[in-house]
Amino acid sequence: MRWIPKWYHLGMSVQIAVRLPDELVAYVDTLVSEGGGSRAAVVARALGLYQQQLSAERDARILEASGDYDDFDDLVGHVAVGD
């Protein structure tokens, strides 16, 4: 077996097959045609955003459970200034 350099794996990805409803495929294709890159890039971006959303929701649940909101007073004031 040949040795594969570590740097080779940095840019590699795993190919998977996914079945999607026709309307989602049409939407992905629309995004691609509008300059969104490839189908794979659109799906990867969408999954990345979904991952961020789930993480933010988890953080919000942790914050809600802790009940410690005092540290956010300055942030709320800063954001309110932009309104």
C-alpha atoms as a PDB file:
ATOM      1  CA  MET A   1       0.000   0.000   0.000  1.00  0.00           C
ATOM      2  CA  ARG A   2       1.318   3.447  -0.904  1.00  0.00           C
ATOM      3  CA  TRP A   3       1.861   6.109   1.707  1.00  0.00           C
ATOM      4  CA  ILE A   4      -0.495   9.111   1.342  1.00  0.00           C
ATOM      5  CA  PRO A   5       0.836  12.451   2.653  1.00  0.00           C
ATOM      6  CA  LYS A   6      -1.158  14.087   5.471  1.00  0.00           C
ATOM      7  CA  TRP A   7      -1.629  17.307   3.456  1.00  0.00           C
ATOM      8  CA  TYR A   8      -3.565  15.353   0.823  1.00  0.00           C
ATOM      9  CA  HIS A   9      -6.446  14.761   3.231  1.00  0.00           C
ATOM     10  CA  LEU A  10      -6.844  18.435   4.140  1.00  0.00           C
ATOM     11  CA  GLY A  11      -8.697  19.236   0.938  1.00  0.00           C
ATOM     12  CA  MET A  12     -10.487  15.935   0.579  1.00  0.00           C
ATOM     13  CA  SER A  13     -14.130  15.316   1.309  1.00  0.00           C
ATOM     14  CA  VAL A  14     -16.405  12.306   1.499  1.00  0.00           C
ATOM     15  CA  GLN A  15     -18.964  11.805  -1.221  1.00  0.00           C
ATOM     16  CA  ILE A  16     -22.436  10.756  -0.099  1.00  0.00           C
ATOM     17  CA  ALA A  17     -25.663  10.068  -1.949  1.00  0.00           C
ATOM     18  CA  VAL A  18     -28.705  11.973  -0.713  1.00  0.00           C
ATOM     19  CA  ARG A  19     -32.292  11.726  -1.879  1.00  0.00           C
ATOM     20  CA  LEU A  20     -34.143  15.039  -1.845  1.00  0.00           C
ATOM     21  CA  PRO A  21     -37.662  16.040  -2.893  1.00  0.00           C
ATOM     22  CA  ASP A  22     -37.892  17.529  -6.390  1.00  0.00           C
ATOM     23  CA  GLU A  23     -38.733  20.997  -5.061  1.00  0.00           C
ATOM     24  CA  LEU A  24     -35.592  21.093  -2.917  1.00  0.00           C
ATOM     25  CA  VAL A  25     -33.438  19.988  -5.843  1.00  0.00           C
ATOM     26  CA  ALA A  26     -35.029  22.702  -7.986  1.00  0.00           C
ATOM     27  CA  TYR A  27     -34.241  25.256  -5.271  1.00  0.00           C
ATOM     28  CA  VAL A  28     -30.638  24.061  -4.996  1.00  0.00           C
ATOM     29  CA  ASP A  29     -30.300  24.286  -8.781  1.00  0.00           C
ATOM     30  CA  THR A  30     -31.702  27.829  -8.692  1.00  0.00           C
ATOM     31  CA  LEU A  31     -29.089  28.813  -6.118  1.00  0.00           C
ATOM     32  CA  VAL A  32     -26.364  27.209  -8.235  1.00  0.00           C
ATOM     33  CA  SER A  33     -27.522  29.078 -11.337  1.00  0.00           C
ATOM     34  CA  GLU A  34     -27.456  32.346  -9.353  1.00  0.00           C
ATOM     35  CA  GLY A  35     -23.780  31.844  -8.594  1.00  0.00           C
ATOM     36  CA  GLY A  36     -24.019  29.683  -5.492  1.00  0.00           C
ATOM     37  CA  GLY A  37     -21.259  27.343  -6.642  1.00  0.00           C
ATOM     38  CA  SER A  38     -21.960  23.670  -7.063  1.00  0.00           C
ATOM     39  CA  ARG A  39     -24.789  21.586  -5.650  1.00  0.00           C
ATOM     40  CA  ALA A  40     -22.325  20.230  -3.112  1.00  0.00           C
ATOM     41  CA  ALA A  41     -21.319  23.758  -2.076  1.00  0.00           C
ATOM     42  CA  VAL A  42     -24.954  24.808  -1.613  1.00  0.00           C
ATOM     43  CA  VAL A  43     -25.762  21.735   0.482  1.00  0.00           C
ATOM     44  CA  ALA A  44     -22.577  22.116   2.546  1.00  0.00           C
ATOM     45  CA  ARG A  45     -23.371  25.793   3.213  1.00  0.00           C
ATOM     46  CA  ALA A  46     -26.946  24.923   4.225  1.00  0.00           C
ATOM     47  CA  LEU A  47     -25.774  22.200   6.594  1.00  0.00           C
ATOM     48  CA  GLY A  48     -23.184  24.546   8.090  1.00  0.00           C
ATOM     49  CA  LEU A  49     -25.866  27.159   8.755  1.00  0.00           C
ATOM     50  CA  TYR A  50     -28.137  24.509  10.267  1.00  0.00           C
ATOM     51  CA  GLN A  51     -25.292  23.353  12.492  1.00  0.00           C
ATOM     52  CA  GLN A  52     -24.804  26.951  13.695  1.00  0.00           C
ATOM     53  CA  GLN A  53     -28.536  27.293  14.355  1.00  0.00           C
ATOM     54  CA  LEU A  54     -28.652  24.122  16.452  1.00  0.00           C
ATOM     55  CA  SER A  55     -25.600  25.270  18.398  1.00  0.00           C
ATOM     56  CA  ALA A  56     -27.184  28.681  19.059  1.00  0.00           C
ATOM     57  CA  GLU A  57     -30.425  27.029  20.196  1.00  0.00           C
ATOM     58  CA  ARG A  58     -28.454  24.772  22.549  1.00  0.00           C
ATOM     59  CA  ASP A  59     -26.611  27.798  23.947  1.00  0.00           C
ATOM     60  CA  ALA A  60     -29.906  29.645  24.426  1.00  0.00           C
ATOM     61  CA  ARG A  61     -31.343  26.681  26.375  1.00  0.00           C
ATOM     62  CA  ILE A  62     -28.242  26.620  28.582  1.00  0.00           C
ATOM     63  CA  LEU A  63     -28.525  30.365  29.198  1.00  0.00           C
ATOM     64  CA  GLU A  64     -32.230  30.067  29.951  1.00  0.00           C
ATOM     65  CA  ALA A  65     -31.588  27.239  32.410  1.00  0.00           C
ATOM     66  CA  SER A  66     -28.850  29.214  34.187  1.00  0.00           C
ATOM     67  CA  GLY A  67     -31.023  32.328  34.493  1.00  0.00           C
ATOM     68  CA  ASP A  68     -27.927  34.567  34.478  1.00  0.00           C
ATOM     69  CA  TYR A  69     -28.864  37.396  32.119  1.00  0.00           C
ATOM     70  CA  ASP A  70     -27.050  40.291  33.873  1.00  0.00           C
ATOM     71  CA  ASP A  71     -23.971  39.963  31.689  1.00  0.00           C
ATOM     72  CA  PHE A  72     -26.056  40.848  28.630  1.00  0.00           C
ATOM     73  CA  ASP A  73     -27.269  44.289  29.751  1.00  0.00           C
ATOM     74  CA  ASP A  74     -24.430  46.126  28.004  1.00  0.00           C
ATOM     75  CA  LEU A  75     -24.894  44.066  24.847  1.00  0.00           C
ATOM     76  CA  VAL A  76     -28.627  44.791  24.730  1.00  0.00           C
ATOM     77  CA  GLY A  77     -27.913  48.490  25.161  1.00  0.00           C
ATOM     78  CA  HIS A  78     -25.361  48.413  22.370  1.00  0.00           C
ATOM     79  CA  VAL A  79     -27.706  46.614  19.984  1.00  0.00           C
ATOM     80  CA  ALA A  80     -30.619  48.917  20.844  1.00  0.00           C
ATOM     81  CA  VAL A  81     -28.532  51.940  19.797  1.00  0.00           C
ATOM     82  CA  GLY A  82     -28.503  50.631  16.227  1.00  0.00           C
ATOM     83  CA  ASP A  83     -32.327  50.759  15.983  1.00  0.00           C
END
